[in-house]
Structures are given as structure tokens and as C-alpha cells.
């Protein structure tokens, strides 16, 4: 049975050689890809405004119902 290397030991024993440049290239690529996906999935201003109005309406109705129930 082989032992699982401790975190980091795999890199030190030469199991995989990864330079600092490769690491930063991967980090940058992932960051850019994440930003692109985030921007494409983000809701439009119109949708956000519509949702905010719906939430405000529901909160207002809830407050009115509560004040009615309490007899204020």
C-alpha cells in the first residue's frame, strides 16, 4: 500500500514541477474566466429594479397586515 503524501510533499519530491510563472498564469486565466462568467450571468439593472420594487411592495403589505392584526 502506498502512503498518501502530506500536503506539499508531493511538490517537493519532484512529483510535479510547477514554476511560479505557470502558477500566476493559471491564477490570472481563472480570474479572467470567472469575471467573464460573472458578468454574463449578472442580472440587468431593469431586473434588479423590478425585484427591488416587488420586495418593497411585499414588505409594505406585511407591515400593513401586522399593524392591522395588532389593531394600531
N, C-alpha and C. Protein backbone atom coordinates (compact mmCIF):
# COMPACT_ATOMS: atom_id res chain seq x y z
N UNK A 1 0.85 -1.17 0.00
CA UNK A 1 0.00 0.00 0.00
C UNK A 1 0.90 1.24 0.00
N UNK A 2 0.56 2.20 -0.84
CA UNK A 2 1.36 3.43 -0.91
C UNK A 2 0.80 4.46 0.05
N UNK A 3 1.69 5.25 0.59
CA UNK A 3 1.27 6.29 1.52
C UNK A 3 0.88 7.54 0.75
N UNK A 4 -0.15 8.20 1.24
CA UNK A 4 -0.55 9.47 0.64
C UNK A 4 0.40 10.54 1.15
N UNK A 5 1.01 11.30 0.24
CA UNK A 5 1.96 12.31 0.68
C UNK A 5 1.27 13.44 1.45
N UNK A 6 1.99 13.98 2.39
CA UNK A 6 1.50 15.12 3.16
C UNK A 6 1.41 16.31 2.22
N UNK A 7 0.46 17.20 2.47
CA UNK A 7 0.27 18.37 1.62
C UNK A 7 1.59 19.09 1.38
N UNK A 8 1.95 19.26 0.15
CA UNK A 8 3.19 19.96 -0.19
C UNK A 8 4.35 19.02 -0.44
N UNK A 9 4.33 17.84 0.16
CA UNK A 9 5.45 16.90 -0.01
C UNK A 9 5.51 16.42 -1.46
N UNK A 10 4.37 16.28 -2.10
CA UNK A 10 4.32 15.85 -3.49
C UNK A 10 5.12 16.80 -4.38
N UNK A 11 5.00 18.07 -4.12
CA UNK A 11 5.69 19.08 -4.93
C UNK A 11 7.18 19.06 -4.65
N UNK A 12 7.56 18.88 -3.40
CA UNK A 12 8.98 18.93 -3.02
C UNK A 12 9.76 17.73 -3.53
N UNK A 13 9.11 16.57 -3.65
CA UNK A 13 9.81 15.36 -4.07
C UNK A 13 9.88 15.23 -5.58
N UNK A 14 9.39 16.23 -6.29
CA UNK A 14 9.51 16.21 -7.74
C UNK A 14 8.40 15.48 -8.45
N UNK A 15 7.29 15.26 -7.75
CA UNK A 15 6.16 14.60 -8.38
C UNK A 15 5.61 15.43 -9.52
N UNK A 16 5.69 16.74 -9.40
CA UNK A 16 5.21 17.64 -10.44
C UNK A 16 5.99 18.93 -10.31
N UNK A 17 6.52 19.42 -11.40
CA UNK A 17 7.30 20.65 -11.36
C UNK A 17 6.44 21.79 -11.87
N UNK A 18 6.14 22.74 -11.00
CA UNK A 18 5.30 23.87 -11.37
C UNK A 18 6.04 25.14 -11.00
N UNK A 19 6.37 25.92 -12.00
CA UNK A 19 7.09 27.16 -11.72
C UNK A 19 6.13 28.25 -11.26
N UNK A 20 6.68 29.30 -10.69
CA UNK A 20 5.88 30.42 -10.23
C UNK A 20 5.14 31.08 -11.39
N UNK A 21 5.78 31.15 -12.53
CA UNK A 21 5.15 31.75 -13.71
C UNK A 21 3.92 30.98 -14.15
N UNK A 22 4.01 29.66 -14.13
CA UNK A 22 2.87 28.83 -14.50
C UNK A 22 1.72 29.02 -13.52
N UNK A 23 2.07 29.11 -12.25
CA UNK A 23 1.05 29.31 -11.23
C UNK A 23 0.30 30.61 -11.45
N UNK A 24 1.04 31.70 -11.65
CA UNK A 24 0.40 33.01 -11.84
C UNK A 24 -0.37 33.07 -13.15
N UNK A 25 0.10 32.38 -14.18
CA UNK A 25 -0.64 32.32 -15.44
C UNK A 25 -1.98 31.61 -15.21
N UNK A 26 -1.97 30.53 -14.47
CA UNK A 26 -3.20 29.81 -14.17
C UNK A 26 -4.15 30.63 -13.32
N UNK A 27 -3.59 31.32 -12.33
CA UNK A 27 -4.42 32.18 -11.47
C UNK A 27 -5.07 33.29 -12.29
N UNK A 28 -4.30 33.93 -13.16
CA UNK A 28 -4.82 35.02 -13.98
C UNK A 28 -5.89 34.52 -14.95
N UNK A 29 -5.63 33.39 -15.57
CA UNK A 29 -6.59 32.81 -16.51
C UNK A 29 -7.91 32.50 -15.80
N UNK A 30 -7.82 31.92 -14.61
CA UNK A 30 -9.02 31.60 -13.84
C UNK A 30 -9.78 32.85 -13.42
N UNK A 31 -9.05 33.88 -13.04
CA UNK A 31 -9.67 35.13 -12.62
C UNK A 31 -10.43 35.77 -13.78
N UNK A 32 -9.81 35.80 -14.95
CA UNK A 32 -10.45 36.39 -16.13
C UNK A 32 -11.68 35.57 -16.52
N UNK A 33 -11.55 34.25 -16.52
CA UNK A 33 -12.68 33.39 -16.87
C UNK A 33 -13.83 33.59 -15.89
N UNK A 34 -13.53 33.69 -14.61
CA UNK A 34 -14.56 33.92 -13.60
C UNK A 34 -15.25 35.25 -13.77
N UNK A 35 -14.48 36.28 -14.12
CA UNK A 35 -15.06 37.61 -14.33
C UNK A 35 -16.00 37.61 -15.54
N UNK A 36 -15.59 36.93 -16.61
CA UNK A 36 -16.43 36.86 -17.81
C UNK A 36 -17.74 36.14 -17.51
N UNK A 37 -17.66 35.02 -16.82
CA UNK A 37 -18.87 34.27 -16.47
C UNK A 37 -19.74 35.11 -15.54
N UNK A 38 -19.13 35.77 -14.57
CA UNK A 38 -19.89 36.61 -13.64
C UNK A 38 -20.63 37.73 -14.32
N UNK A 39 -19.99 38.37 -15.28
CA UNK A 39 -20.65 39.46 -16.00
C UNK A 39 -21.76 38.96 -16.90
N UNK A 40 -21.59 37.79 -17.48
CA UNK A 40 -22.61 37.27 -18.38
C UNK A 40 -23.84 36.76 -17.63
N UNK A 41 -23.66 36.36 -16.38
CA UNK A 41 -24.76 35.81 -15.59
C UNK A 41 -25.46 36.88 -14.76
N UNK A 42 -24.80 38.01 -14.53
CA UNK A 42 -25.34 39.07 -13.68
C UNK A 42 -26.66 39.61 -14.23
N UNK A 43 -27.62 39.89 -13.35
CA UNK A 43 -28.90 40.43 -13.81
C UNK A 43 -28.75 41.87 -14.31
N UNK A 44 -29.66 42.27 -15.18
CA UNK A 44 -29.63 43.63 -15.70
C UNK A 44 -30.17 44.60 -14.65
N UNK A 45 -29.93 45.87 -14.88
CA UNK A 45 -30.43 46.89 -13.94
C UNK A 45 -31.95 46.88 -13.87
N UNK A 46 -32.59 46.66 -15.01
CA UNK A 46 -34.05 46.64 -15.04
C UNK A 46 -34.59 45.51 -14.17
N UNK A 47 -33.98 44.32 -14.27
CA UNK A 47 -34.42 43.18 -13.46
C UNK A 47 -34.20 43.45 -11.98
N UNK A 48 -33.07 44.07 -11.64
CA UNK A 48 -32.78 44.37 -10.24
C UNK A 48 -33.79 45.38 -9.69
N UNK A 49 -34.10 46.40 -10.50
CA UNK A 49 -35.04 47.43 -10.08
C UNK A 49 -36.44 46.83 -9.87
N UNK A 50 -36.85 45.96 -10.79
CA UNK A 50 -38.15 45.30 -10.71
C UNK A 50 -38.24 44.45 -9.45
N UNK A 51 -37.17 43.70 -9.18
CA UNK A 51 -37.14 42.85 -7.98
C UNK A 51 -37.18 43.70 -6.71
N UNK A 52 -36.46 44.80 -6.70
CA UNK A 52 -36.45 45.68 -5.53
C UNK A 52 -37.85 46.25 -5.27
N UNK A 53 -38.55 46.62 -6.32
CA UNK A 53 -39.91 47.13 -6.16
C UNK A 53 -40.84 46.05 -5.62
N UNK A 54 -40.69 44.82 -6.11
CA UNK A 54 -41.52 43.71 -5.62
C UNK A 54 -41.27 43.47 -4.14
N UNK A 55 -39.99 43.48 -3.75
CA UNK A 55 -39.64 43.25 -2.35
C UNK A 55 -40.21 44.36 -1.48
N UNK A 56 -40.08 45.61 -1.92
CA UNK A 56 -40.62 46.74 -1.15
C UNK A 56 -42.13 46.62 -1.01
N UNK A 57 -42.81 46.18 -2.07
CA UNK A 57 -44.27 46.02 -2.02
C UNK A 57 -44.65 44.94 -1.01
N UNK A 58 -43.93 43.82 -1.02
CA UNK A 58 -44.22 42.73 -0.09
C UNK A 58 -43.95 43.16 1.36
N UNK A 59 -42.90 43.89 1.58
CA UNK A 59 -42.59 44.36 2.94
C UNK A 59 -43.68 45.32 3.40
N UNK A 60 -44.10 46.22 2.51
CA UNK A 60 -45.15 47.18 2.86
C UNK A 60 -46.44 46.44 3.21
N UNK A 61 -46.80 45.44 2.42
CA UNK A 61 -48.01 44.66 2.70
C UNK A 61 -47.89 43.92 4.03
N UNK A 62 -46.72 43.38 4.31
CA UNK A 62 -46.51 42.66 5.57
C UNK A 62 -46.66 43.60 6.77
N UNK A 63 -46.11 44.81 6.64
CA UNK A 63 -46.22 45.79 7.74
C UNK A 63 -47.68 46.19 7.93
N UNK A 64 -48.40 46.40 6.84
CA UNK A 64 -49.82 46.75 6.95
C UNK A 64 -50.61 45.63 7.62
N UNK A 65 -50.34 44.38 7.23
CA UNK A 65 -51.02 43.24 7.83
C UNK A 65 -50.72 43.14 9.32
N UNK A 66 -49.48 43.40 9.68
CA UNK A 66 -49.08 43.33 11.10
C UNK A 66 -49.77 44.42 11.91
N UNK A 67 -49.78 45.65 11.38
CA UNK A 67 -50.42 46.73 12.12
C UNK A 67 -51.92 46.50 12.24
N UNK A 68 -52.54 45.91 11.21
CA UNK A 68 -53.97 45.56 11.28
C UNK A 68 -54.21 44.51 12.35
N UNK A 69 -53.35 43.51 12.39
CA UNK A 69 -53.50 42.42 13.36
C UNK A 69 -53.32 42.92 14.79
N UNK A 70 -52.47 43.91 14.97
CA UNK A 70 -52.21 44.44 16.31
C UNK A 70 -53.24 45.51 16.68
N UNK A 71 -54.05 45.93 15.70
CA UNK A 71 -55.09 46.92 15.95
C UNK A 71 -54.56 48.34 16.11
N UNK A 72 -53.54 48.66 15.42
CA UNK A 72 -52.96 50.01 15.51
C UNK A 72 -53.55 50.91 14.48
